[in-house]
Every structure is written in C-alpha cells, then in structure tokens.
Protein backbone atom coordinates (compact mmCIF):
# COMPACT_ATOMS: atom_id res chain seq x y z
CA MET A 1 0.10 0.05 0.02
CA ARG A 2 1.52 3.30 -1.14
CA THR A 3 0.95 6.60 1.14
CA THR A 4 0.91 9.82 -0.50
CA LEU A 5 2.49 12.45 1.56
CA THR A 6 1.33 16.03 1.52
CA PRO A 7 3.89 18.68 0.90
CA ALA A 8 4.86 20.52 3.73
CA ALA A 9 3.30 23.99 3.91
CA GLU A 10 5.45 26.76 2.69
CA PRO A 11 6.52 29.36 5.26
CA VAL A 12 5.48 32.92 4.70
CA GLU A 13 9.19 33.45 4.02
CA ALA A 14 8.40 31.83 0.60
CA LEU A 15 6.30 34.92 -0.49
CA ALA A 16 8.08 37.90 -2.23
CA GLY A 17 7.61 41.10 -0.59
CA LEU A 18 7.47 40.42 2.97
CA GLY A 19 10.43 41.59 5.08
CA PRO A 20 11.55 40.23 8.45
CA LYS A 21 9.42 42.77 10.18
CA SER A 22 6.28 41.61 8.37
CA ARG A 23 6.97 38.15 8.89
CA ALA A 24 7.41 38.58 12.58
CA MET A 25 4.34 40.36 12.73
CA LEU A 26 2.55 37.59 11.03
CA ALA A 27 4.41 35.05 13.25
CA ALA A 28 3.07 36.80 16.22
CA ALA A 29 -0.43 36.77 15.02
CA GLY A 30 -0.17 32.80 14.41
CA ILE A 31 0.03 33.06 10.73
CA HIS A 32 3.26 30.92 9.78
CA THR A 33 2.63 29.30 6.48
CA THR A 34 1.42 30.57 2.88
CA ASP A 35 -1.61 28.34 3.04
CA GLN A 36 -2.86 30.25 6.26
CA LEU A 37 -2.27 33.67 4.70
CA ARG A 38 -4.08 32.55 1.57
CA ALA A 39 -7.03 31.08 3.28
CA LEU A 40 -7.27 34.46 5.47
CA GLY A 41 -6.72 36.91 2.52
CA SER A 42 -4.87 40.12 3.00
CA VAL A 43 -7.53 42.04 4.87
CA ARG A 44 -8.32 39.26 7.39
CA ALA A 45 -4.58 38.69 8.02
CA TYR A 46 -4.00 42.44 8.63
CA ALA A 47 -6.93 42.68 10.96
CA GLN A 48 -5.40 39.57 12.83
CA VAL A 49 -2.15 41.12 13.04
CA ARG A 50 -3.58 44.41 14.34
CA ALA A 51 -5.54 42.54 16.96
CA THR A 52 -2.47 40.92 18.41
CA PRO A 53 -1.52 42.86 21.46
CA GLY A 54 1.57 45.16 21.17
CA ASN A 55 1.30 45.26 17.50
CA HIS A 56 0.69 48.49 15.95
CA ALA A 57 1.21 47.52 11.90
CA SER A 58 0.63 50.30 9.60
CA LEU A 59 -1.43 50.21 6.24
CA ASN A 60 1.87 49.48 4.54
CA LEU A 61 1.49 45.95 5.74
CA LEU A 62 -1.77 45.46 4.17
CA TRP A 63 -0.50 46.64 1.03
CA ALA A 64 2.39 44.21 1.44
CA LEU A 65 0.16 41.15 2.12
CA GLU A 66 -1.82 41.92 -0.89
CA GLY A 67 1.10 42.41 -2.89
CA ALA A 68 2.45 39.09 -1.65
CA LEU A 69 -0.66 37.12 -2.53
CA THR A 70 -1.22 38.89 -6.09
CA GLY A 71 2.34 39.21 -7.15
CA LEU A 72 2.09 43.01 -7.20
CA HIS A 73 4.66 45.26 -5.82
CA TRP A 74 3.38 46.98 -2.52
CA ARG A 75 3.38 50.38 -3.92
CA VAL A 76 1.20 49.36 -7.02
CA VAL A 77 -1.41 47.81 -4.54
CA ALA A 78 -1.20 50.91 -2.43
CA THR A 79 -2.17 53.16 -5.53
CA GLU A 80 -4.58 51.01 -7.42
CA HIS A 81 -6.09 48.73 -4.95
CA ARG A 82 -6.31 51.28 -1.85
CA LEU A 83 -9.72 51.94 -1.84
CA SER A 84 -11.14 48.55 -2.16
CA LEU A 85 -8.91 47.11 0.51
CA LEU A 86 -9.79 49.87 2.83
CA LEU A 87 -13.28 49.30 1.96
CA ALA A 88 -13.07 45.45 2.72
CA LEU A 89 -11.23 46.40 6.00
CA GLU A 90 -13.86 48.82 7.12
CA ALA A 91 -16.56 46.31 6.40
CA LEU A 92 -14.84 43.56 8.28
CA GLN A 93 -14.33 45.94 11.29
CA GLY A 94 -17.75 47.08 11.02
CA ALA A 95 -19.07 43.45 11.21
CA ALA A 96 -17.07 42.67 14.02
CA THR A 97 -18.52 45.77 16.03
CA ALA A 98 -21.96 45.98 14.83
CA PRO A 99 -24.54 45.84 17.46
CA VAL A 100 -26.53 42.93 17.87
CA ARG A 101 -30.41 43.47 17.48
CA PRO A 102 -33.18 42.23 19.59
CA PRO A 103 -34.97 39.38 17.62
CA GLY A 104 -38.03 40.77 16.23
CA ARG A 105 -37.08 44.33 15.79
CA VAL A 106 -35.21 44.03 12.46
CA GLY A 107 -36.60 46.33 9.75
CA LYS A 108 -39.63 47.64 12.15
CA ARG A 109 -40.49 51.11 11.84
CA PRO A 110 -42.16 52.89 14.74
CA GLU A 111 -45.65 53.55 14.28
CA TYR A 112 -47.22 56.72 14.35
CA SER A 113 -50.68 57.76 15.28
CA SER A 114 -52.78 60.20 13.29
CA ASN A 115 -52.60 62.60 16.36
CA ASP A 116 -48.68 62.76 15.88
CA SER A 117 -47.75 66.12 14.47
CA ALA A 118 -45.32 66.02 11.45
C-alpha cells in the first residue's frame, strides 16, 4: 500500500515582498504558512495582526500582504487597490463591532398615530 505524502506547507518567507518585520508580525499573530495567509486573505490577515497585543502595524503591511498574495509590488497595491482594500477592512471591522439587534425588531419602523404632528 502506497502512502501519499502531502507536501509541507510553505512558510510565509516563500512569498516575495514580505520582509523580516512583516514576517515577525504575522508569526506573532499565528500566521506561519502561505496556506494560512491565502485562506485568510490580506484584509483578514492584516486585521488579525492588528488585533495582536502590542502590534501596531501600519497600512503598509496591508499593501505588502496583498502584494505578496497577488504578485504585485506593494506600491502598486497602495495606489491601485487602496480603496477596495480599505473598504473591505472597514466592512470587516464594522461587522465585528456591529451591535446585535434584539430578535423581532429588525426592519420594523415605529408606528405613528394620526394624532402625531409632523
């Protein structure tokens, strides 16, 4: 019986455009392999790094992560993909901090009687 071995996951060092500081921030956030980074995507990975205590990564890390995943230089990402990445980050952060509404109240408007003044 033959056993098929799965190749070892590549470390993030295998991706171009990520320097030692970026790799250290990813490692501190628990992101060690290219598979983990690809599964998260640049925006979620950046948010995970930012959520790590003591880590104050700038947006340059987001540009570098997107560049590493797409093969683009981070400066190209910063100019051509900036808005879409920032909107995705805002949506992710908004979803994480959005207040939970009580059931049954979603979409209902207050009712006004005919005695209410306009």
